[in-house]
Amino acid sequence: MQRGNGTPSVGVEAAGVPCRRGRGRRRAGRTAAACSPAPSDRLAARAFRSLRRVALLAALLSLAAALVPQPAGAAADPNKVLREAFAAGETGFDPAAVHDLYSLTLVQAIFETLYTYDYLARPARIVPLTARALPVVEDGGRVWTIALRPGIRFAADPAFGGRPRELTAADYAYSLKRLADPAIRSPWAFLVAGKFAGLDELAAAARRSGR
């Protein structure tokens, strides 16, 4: 294009030189006119500034989250967490009522029995879990005495007044009676049928009374 004095003017962008802000200056007999960035350059610069602000905000939020104290047990050590995928969901958590594989897998991980197996022993053997020792068998096998380990407590729950309660022999007696309770219709009732003195009669009375 022609300026008012007739001197050819070459835009800086057209000459391949980056744009300069401010007034034009002379170079090699030419007037380098000040130019504005192209629209595409302005959009790129604006996007870069937005990304930089987002990155800075994310960094600040991450730092703030790291400084907030976490409650005890909020996050487990990932090296101590075992995750297992189930093909189906559980149907319940009542040891006396559930019978499917996945519910039983969870129940066994939640509730502790009197005894368990030492699977690493050869051959595998029964060892105490909540019991203090193996049962003392007397009267020709008709009387079994099992002592519990002290200090085993249920988790704090409103059912216990919001305080941990120590495990007692009555808790196991209650669990065995529930297996024979006709109202529960436990699939494991056969495990206790004919095994405990008076339990079969108690179950029969419950069936007659409906309670």
C-alpha atoms as a PDB file:
ATOM      1  CA  MET A   1       0.000   0.000   0.000  1.00  0.00           C
ATOM      2  CA  GLN A   2       1.051   3.665  -0.345  1.00  0.00           C
ATOM      3  CA  ARG A   3       1.454   6.072   2.551  1.00  0.00           C
ATOM      4  CA  GLY A   4       0.655   9.721   2.105  1.00  0.00           C
ATOM      5  CA  ASN A   5       4.253  10.543   1.121  1.00  0.00           C
ATOM      6  CA  GLY A   6       4.321   7.841  -1.550  1.00  0.00           C
ATOM      7  CA  THR A   7       6.934   5.719   0.240  1.00  0.00           C
ATOM      8  CA  PRO A   8       6.202   1.997   0.039  1.00  0.00           C
ATOM      9  CA  SER A   9       5.406   0.554   3.419  1.00  0.00           C
ATOM     10  CA  VAL A  10       5.926  -3.118   4.148  1.00  0.00           C
ATOM     11  CA  GLY A  11       4.099  -4.659   7.067  1.00  0.00           C
ATOM     12  CA  VAL A  12       6.356  -6.349   9.580  1.00  0.00           C
ATOM     13  CA  GLU A  13       4.457  -9.633   9.358  1.00  0.00           C
ATOM     14  CA  ALA A  14       4.776  -9.622   5.601  1.00  0.00           C
ATOM     15  CA  ALA A  15       8.536  -9.175   5.935  1.00  0.00           C
ATOM     16  CA  GLY A  16       8.761 -12.230   8.202  1.00  0.00           C
ATOM     17  CA  VAL A  17       9.807 -10.149  11.234  1.00  0.00           C
ATOM     18  CA  PRO A  18       7.876 -10.451  14.523  1.00  0.00           C
ATOM     19  CA  CYS A  19       5.477  -7.648  15.211  1.00  0.00           C
ATOM     20  CA  ARG A  20       6.660  -4.781  17.377  1.00  0.00           C
ATOM     21  CA  ARG A  21       4.427  -2.654  19.464  1.00  0.00           C
ATOM     22  CA  GLY A  22       4.742   1.085  19.382  1.00  0.00           C
ATOM     23  CA  ARG A  23       5.658   3.467  16.643  1.00  0.00           C
ATOM     24  CA  GLY A  24       7.263   2.378  13.413  1.00  0.00           C
ATOM     25  CA  ARG A  25      11.009   2.670  12.812  1.00  0.00           C
ATOM     26  CA  ARG A  26      13.196   2.832   9.749  1.00  0.00           C
ATOM     27  CA  ARG A  27      15.256  -0.128   8.704  1.00  0.00           C
ATOM     28  CA  ALA A  28      17.175  -0.607   5.429  1.00  0.00           C
ATOM     29  CA  GLY A  29      15.352   2.275   3.821  1.00  0.00           C
ATOM     30  CA  ARG A  30      11.940   0.829   4.705  1.00  0.00           C
ATOM     31  CA  THR A  31       9.432   1.871   7.257  1.00  0.00           C
ATOM     32  CA  ALA A  32       8.537  -1.032   9.528  1.00  0.00           C
ATOM     33  CA  ALA A  33       5.006  -0.202  10.489  1.00  0.00           C
ATOM     34  CA  ALA A  34       3.717  -1.312  13.875  1.00  0.00           C
ATOM     35  CA  CYS A  35       1.267  -4.159  13.517  1.00  0.00           C
ATOM     36  CA  SER A  36      -1.169  -6.057  15.712  1.00  0.00           C
ATOM     37  CA  PRO A  37      -1.106  -9.831  16.188  1.00  0.00           C
ATOM     38  CA  ALA A  38      -3.339 -11.821  13.889  1.00  0.00           C
ATOM     39  CA  PRO A  39      -6.661 -13.036  15.361  1.00  0.00           C
ATOM     40  CA  SER A  40      -5.349 -16.612  15.544  1.00  0.00           C
ATOM     41  CA  ASP A  41      -2.333 -15.424  17.578  1.00  0.00           C
ATOM     42  CA  ARG A  42      -4.556 -13.547  19.993  1.00  0.00           C
ATOM     43  CA  LEU A  43      -6.719 -16.640  20.541  1.00  0.00           C
ATOM     44  CA  ALA A  44      -3.662 -18.826  21.151  1.00  0.00           C
ATOM     45  CA  ALA A  45      -2.259 -16.371  23.680  1.00  0.00           C
ATOM     46  CA  ARG A  46      -5.597 -16.143  25.465  1.00  0.00           C
ATOM     47  CA  ALA A  47      -5.894 -19.949  25.610  1.00  0.00           C
ATOM     48  CA  PHE A  48      -2.357 -20.234  26.998  1.00  0.00           C
ATOM     49  CA  ARG A  49      -3.111 -17.733  29.745  1.00  0.00           C
ATOM     50  CA  SER A  50      -6.312 -19.602  30.650  1.00  0.00           C
ATOM     51  CA  LEU A  51      -4.477 -22.925  30.837  1.00  0.00           C
ATOM     52  CA  ARG A  52      -1.801 -21.381  33.014  1.00  0.00           C
ATOM     53  CA  ARG A  53      -4.431 -20.044  35.411  1.00  0.00           C
ATOM     54  CA  VAL A  54      -6.152 -23.452  35.558  1.00  0.00           C
ATOM     55  CA  ALA A  55      -2.848 -25.217  36.246  1.00  0.00           C
ATOM     56  CA  LEU A  56      -2.021 -22.745  38.997  1.00  0.00           C
ATOM     57  CA  LEU A  57      -5.459 -23.215  40.583  1.00  0.00           C
ATOM     58  CA  ALA A  58      -5.121 -27.004  40.454  1.00  0.00           C
ATOM     59  CA  ALA A  59      -1.717 -26.813  42.115  1.00  0.00           C
ATOM     60  CA  LEU A  60      -3.076 -24.589  44.886  1.00  0.00           C
ATOM     61  CA  LEU A  61      -6.039 -26.913  45.497  1.00  0.00           C
ATOM     62  CA  SER A  62      -3.735 -29.930  45.650  1.00  0.00           C
ATOM     63  CA  LEU A  63      -1.523 -28.167  48.157  1.00  0.00           C
ATOM     64  CA  ALA A  64      -4.510 -27.152  50.254  1.00  0.00           C
ATOM     65  CA  ALA A  65      -5.844 -30.719  50.259  1.00  0.00           C
ATOM     66  CA  ALA A  66      -2.468 -32.019  51.368  1.00  0.00           C
ATOM     67  CA  LEU A  67      -2.416 -29.580  54.283  1.00  0.00           C
ATOM     68  CA  VAL A  68      -5.911 -30.500  55.552  1.00  0.00           C
ATOM     69  CA  PRO A  69      -5.610 -33.110  58.336  1.00  0.00           C
ATOM     70  CA  GLN A  70      -7.310 -36.369  57.385  1.00  0.00           C
ATOM     71  CA  PRO A  71      -9.378 -38.320  59.933  1.00  0.00           C
ATOM     72  CA  ALA A  72      -7.892 -41.537  61.263  1.00  0.00           C
ATOM     73  CA  GLY A  73      -8.544 -44.437  58.929  1.00  0.00           C
ATOM     74  CA  ALA A  74      -9.729 -42.172  56.113  1.00  0.00           C
ATOM     75  CA  ALA A  75      -7.375 -43.751  53.601  1.00  0.00           C
ATOM     76  CA  ALA A  76      -5.960 -47.241  53.878  1.00  0.00           C
ATOM     77  CA  ASP A  77      -2.447 -48.100  52.832  1.00  0.00           C
ATOM     78  CA  PRO A  78      -2.874 -49.267  49.197  1.00  0.00           C
ATOM     79  CA  ASN A  79      -0.178 -51.885  49.815  1.00  0.00           C
ATOM     80  CA  LYS A  80      -2.415 -53.478  52.449  1.00  0.00           C
ATOM     81  CA  VAL A  81      -5.713 -53.460  50.541  1.00  0.00           C
ATOM     82  CA  LEU A  82      -6.909 -56.553  48.716  1.00  0.00           C
ATOM     83  CA  ARG A  83      -9.559 -55.956  46.075  1.00  0.00           C
ATOM     84  CA  GLU A  84     -11.596 -58.833  44.731  1.00  0.00           C
ATOM     85  CA  ALA A  85     -14.208 -58.665  41.992  1.00  0.00           C
ATOM     86  CA  PHE A  86     -17.440 -60.603  42.507  1.00  0.00           C
ATOM     87  CA  ALA A  87     -19.553 -61.899  39.645  1.00  0.00           C
ATOM     88  CA  ALA A  88     -22.689 -61.161  41.690  1.00  0.00           C
ATOM     89  CA  GLY A  89     -23.652 -59.007  44.644  1.00  0.00           C
ATOM     90  CA  GLU A  90     -24.128 -60.275  48.173  1.00  0.00           C
ATOM     91  CA  THR A  91     -27.630 -61.181  49.375  1.00  0.00           C
ATOM     92  CA  GLY A  92     -27.076 -60.397  53.049  1.00  0.00           C
ATOM     93  CA  PHE A  93     -24.708 -60.457  56.002  1.00  0.00           C
ATOM     94  CA  ASP A  94     -26.542 -62.769  58.416  1.00  0.00           C
ATOM     95  CA  PRO A  95     -24.336 -65.851  58.953  1.00  0.00           C
ATOM     96  CA  ALA A  96     -27.383 -67.940  59.861  1.00  0.00           C
ATOM     97  CA  ALA A  97     -29.349 -67.043  56.735  1.00  0.00           C
ATOM     98  CA  VAL A  98     -27.060 -66.523  53.745  1.00  0.00           C
ATOM     99  CA  HIS A  99     -25.899 -69.466  51.670  1.00  0.00           C
ATOM    100  CA  ASP A 100     -24.508 -68.083  48.409  1.00  0.00           C
ATOM    101  CA  LEU A 101     -20.781 -68.010  47.720  1.00  0.00           C
ATOM    102  CA  TYR A 102     -20.281 -64.245  47.638  1.00  0.00           C
ATOM    103  CA  SER A 103     -22.250 -63.483  50.799  1.00  0.00           C
ATOM    104  CA  LEU A 104     -20.429 -66.246  52.657  1.00  0.00           C
ATOM    105  CA  THR A 105     -17.093 -64.867  51.480  1.00  0.00           C
ATOM    106  CA  LEU A 106     -17.943 -61.505  53.043  1.00  0.00           C
ATOM    107  CA  VAL A 107     -19.397 -63.047  56.201  1.00  0.00           C
ATOM    108  CA  GLN A 108     -16.229 -65.037  56.788  1.00  0.00           C
ATOM    109  CA  ALA A 109     -14.205 -61.834  56.501  1.00  0.00           C
ATOM    110  CA  ILE A 110     -16.416 -59.980  59.006  1.00  0.00           C
ATOM    111  CA  PHE A 111     -17.260 -62.511  61.723  1.00  0.00           C
ATOM    112  CA  GLU A 112     -14.772 -64.549  63.741  1.00  0.00           C
ATOM    113  CA  THR A 113     -15.378 -68.144  64.751  1.00  0.00           C
ATOM    114  CA  LEU A 114     -14.178 -70.061  67.790  1.00  0.00           C
ATOM    115  CA  TYR A 115     -11.685 -71.984  65.676  1.00  0.00           C
ATOM    116  CA  THR A 116     -10.088 -71.768  62.266  1.00  0.00           C
ATOM    117  CA  TYR A 117      -7.613 -73.735  60.172  1.00  0.00           C
ATOM    118  CA  ASP A 118      -3.889 -73.312  59.981  1.00  0.00           C
ATOM    119  CA  TYR A 119      -3.685 -73.822  56.233  1.00  0.00           C
ATOM    120  CA  LEU A 120       0.096 -73.535  56.158  1.00  0.00           C
ATOM    121  CA  ALA A 121       0.561 -76.498  58.473  1.00  0.00           C
ATOM    122  CA  ARG A 122       1.107 -79.926  56.895  1.00  0.00           C
ATOM    123  CA  PRO A 123      -1.320 -81.448  57.385  1.00  0.00           C
ATOM    124  CA  ALA A 124      -3.674 -78.517  57.991  1.00  0.00           C
ATOM    125  CA  ARG A 125      -4.879 -78.363  61.563  1.00  0.00           C
ATOM    126  CA  ILE A 126      -7.560 -76.658  63.652  1.00  0.00           C
ATOM    127  CA  VAL A 127      -6.298 -73.796  65.813  1.00  0.00           C
ATOM    128  CA  PRO A 128      -8.065 -71.404  68.240  1.00  0.00           C
ATOM    129  CA  LEU A 129      -9.287 -68.072  66.906  1.00  0.00           C
ATOM    130  CA  THR A 130     -11.537 -66.458  69.503  1.00  0.00           C
ATOM    131  CA  ALA A 131     -11.189 -69.472  71.777  1.00  0.00           C
ATOM    132  CA  ARG A 132      -8.315 -69.519  74.221  1.00  0.00           C
ATOM    133  CA  ALA A 133      -7.434 -73.131  73.527  1.00  0.00           C
ATOM    134  CA  LEU A 134      -8.828 -76.335  72.077  1.00  0.00           C
ATOM    135  CA  PRO A 135     -11.949 -77.601  73.881  1.00  0.00           C
ATOM    136  CA  VAL A 136     -11.731 -79.683  77.017  1.00  0.00           C
ATOM    137  CA  VAL A 137     -13.773 -82.821  76.290  1.00  0.00           C
ATOM    138  CA  GLU A 138     -15.268 -84.724  79.224  1.00  0.00           C
ATOM    139  CA  ASP A 139     -17.930 -87.279  80.078  1.00  0.00           C
ATOM    140  CA  GLY A 140     -17.232 -89.516  77.149  1.00  0.00           C
ATOM    141  CA  GLY A 141     -17.458 -86.673  74.638  1.00  0.00           C
ATOM    142  CA  ARG A 142     -20.795 -85.369  75.924  1.00  0.00           C
ATOM    143  CA  VAL A 143     -19.414 -82.223  77.598  1.00  0.00           C
ATOM    144  CA  TRP A 144     -17.202 -79.763  75.770  1.00  0.00           C
ATOM    145  CA  THR A 145     -15.820 -76.746  77.630  1.00  0.00           C
ATOM    146  CA  ILE A 146     -14.443 -73.848  75.593  1.00  0.00           C
ATOM    147  CA  ALA A 147     -12.806 -70.811  77.163  1.00  0.00           C
ATOM    148  CA  LEU A 148     -12.775 -67.530  75.244  1.00  0.00           C
ATOM    149  CA  ARG A 149      -9.829 -65.238  74.797  1.00  0.00           C
ATOM    150  CA  PRO A 150     -10.282 -62.091  76.886  1.00  0.00           C
ATOM    151  CA  GLY A 151     -10.286 -58.622  75.385  1.00  0.00           C
ATOM    152  CA  ILE A 152     -12.201 -59.413  72.154  1.00  0.00           C
ATOM    153  CA  ARG A 153     -14.773 -56.674  71.661  1.00  0.00           C
ATOM    154  CA  PHE A 154     -17.560 -55.842  69.260  1.00  0.00           C
ATOM    155  CA  ALA A 155     -17.291 -52.537  67.416  1.00  0.00           C
ATOM    156  CA  ALA A 156     -18.969 -49.591  69.119  1.00  0.00           C
ATOM    157  CA  ASP A 157     -22.632 -49.664  68.118  1.00  0.00           C
ATOM    158  CA  PRO A 158     -25.933 -48.178  69.332  1.00  0.00           C
ATOM    159  CA  ALA A 159     -27.023 -51.748  70.139  1.00  0.00           C
ATOM    160  CA  PHE A 160     -24.326 -51.736  72.836  1.00  0.00           C
ATOM    161  CA  GLY A 161     -24.995 -48.200  74.013  1.00  0.00           C
ATOM    162  CA  GLY A 162     -22.408 -46.807  71.603  1.00  0.00           C
ATOM    163  CA  ARG A 163     -19.548 -48.539  73.425  1.00  0.00           C
ATOM    164  CA  PRO A 164     -17.487 -51.592  72.483  1.00  0.00           C
ATOM    165  CA  ARG A 165     -18.747 -54.697  74.292  1.00  0.00           C
ATOM    166  CA  GLU A 166     -16.627 -57.708  75.134  1.00  0.00           C
ATOM    167  CA  LEU A 167     -17.427 -61.026  73.521  1.00  0.00           C
ATOM    168  CA  THR A 168     -19.017 -63.575  75.869  1.00  0.00           C
ATOM    169  CA  ALA A 169     -19.993 -67.246  75.745  1.00  0.00           C
ATOM    170  CA  ALA A 170     -23.661 -66.161  75.633  1.00  0.00           C
ATOM    171  CA  ASP A 171     -23.029 -64.600  72.208  1.00  0.00           C
ATOM    172  CA  TYR A 172     -22.033 -67.980  70.779  1.00  0.00           C
ATOM    173  CA  ALA A 173     -24.945 -69.712  72.493  1.00  0.00           C
ATOM    174  CA  TYR A 174     -27.267 -67.154  70.897  1.00  0.00           C
ATOM    175  CA  SER A 175     -25.711 -67.737  67.462  1.00  0.00           C
ATOM    176  CA  LEU A 176     -26.152 -71.519  67.743  1.00  0.00           C
ATOM    177  CA  LYS A 177     -29.795 -71.099  68.765  1.00  0.00           C
ATOM    178  CA  ARG A 178     -30.416 -68.898  65.722  1.00  0.00           C
ATOM    179  CA  LEU A 179     -29.290 -71.732  63.458  1.00  0.00           C
ATOM    180  CA  ALA A 180     -32.089 -73.875  64.895  1.00  0.00           C
ATOM    181  CA  ASP A 181     -34.696 -71.083  64.928  1.00  0.00           C
ATOM    182  CA  PRO A 182     -37.512 -72.080  62.510  1.00  0.00           C
ATOM    183  CA  ALA A 183     -38.313 -68.397  61.871  1.00  0.00           C
ATOM    184  CA  ILE A 184     -34.912 -67.915  60.248  1.00  0.00           C
ATOM    185  CA  ARG A 185     -35.103 -71.114  58.195  1.00  0.00           C
ATOM    186  CA  SER A 186     -31.348 -71.383  58.210  1.00  0.00           C
ATOM    187  CA  PRO A 187     -29.813 -73.597  55.516  1.00  0.00           C
ATOM    188  CA  TRP A 188     -27.231 -74.557  58.157  1.00  0.00           C
ATOM    189  CA  ALA A 189     -29.680 -75.944  60.729  1.00  0.00           C
ATOM    190  CA  PHE A 190     -28.437 -79.473  60.011  1.00  0.00           C
ATOM    191  CA  LEU A 191     -25.074 -78.549  61.532  1.00  0.00           C
ATOM    192  CA  VAL A 192     -26.584 -78.298  65.017  1.00  0.00           C
ATOM    193  CA  ALA A 193     -29.465 -80.769  64.746  1.00  0.00           C
ATOM    194  CA  GLY A 194     -28.993 -83.517  67.323  1.00  0.00           C
ATOM    195  CA  LYS A 195     -25.692 -82.015  68.511  1.00  0.00           C
ATOM    196  CA  PHE A 196     -26.646 -79.983  71.601  1.00  0.00           C
ATOM    197  CA  ALA A 197     -28.675 -81.117  74.574  1.00  0.00           C
ATOM    198  CA  GLY A 198     -32.089 -79.436  74.583  1.00  0.00           C
ATOM    199  CA  LEU A 199     -31.630 -77.525  71.318  1.00  0.00           C
ATOM    200  CA  ASP A 200     -33.873 -79.768  69.223  1.00  0.00           C
ATOM    201  CA  GLU A 201     -36.617 -79.514  71.849  1.00  0.00           C
ATOM    202  CA  LEU A 202     -36.269 -75.734  71.886  1.00  0.00           C
ATOM    203  CA  ALA A 203     -36.657 -75.597  68.097  1.00  0.00           C
ATOM    204  CA  ALA A 204     -39.699 -77.878  68.198  1.00  0.00           C
ATOM    205  CA  ALA A 205     -41.346 -75.670  70.823  1.00  0.00           C
ATOM    206  CA  ALA A 206     -40.692 -72.611  68.654  1.00  0.00           C
ATOM    207  CA  ARG A 207     -42.325 -74.321  65.663  1.00  0.00           C
ATOM    208  CA  ARG A 208     -45.418 -75.172  67.705  1.00  0.00           C
ATOM    209  CA  SER A 209     -45.802 -71.679  69.117  1.00  0.00           C
ATOM    210  CA  GLY A 210     -44.800 -69.887  65.943  1.00  0.00           C
ATOM    211  CA  ARG A 211     -42.290 -67.802  67.885  1.00  0.00           C
END
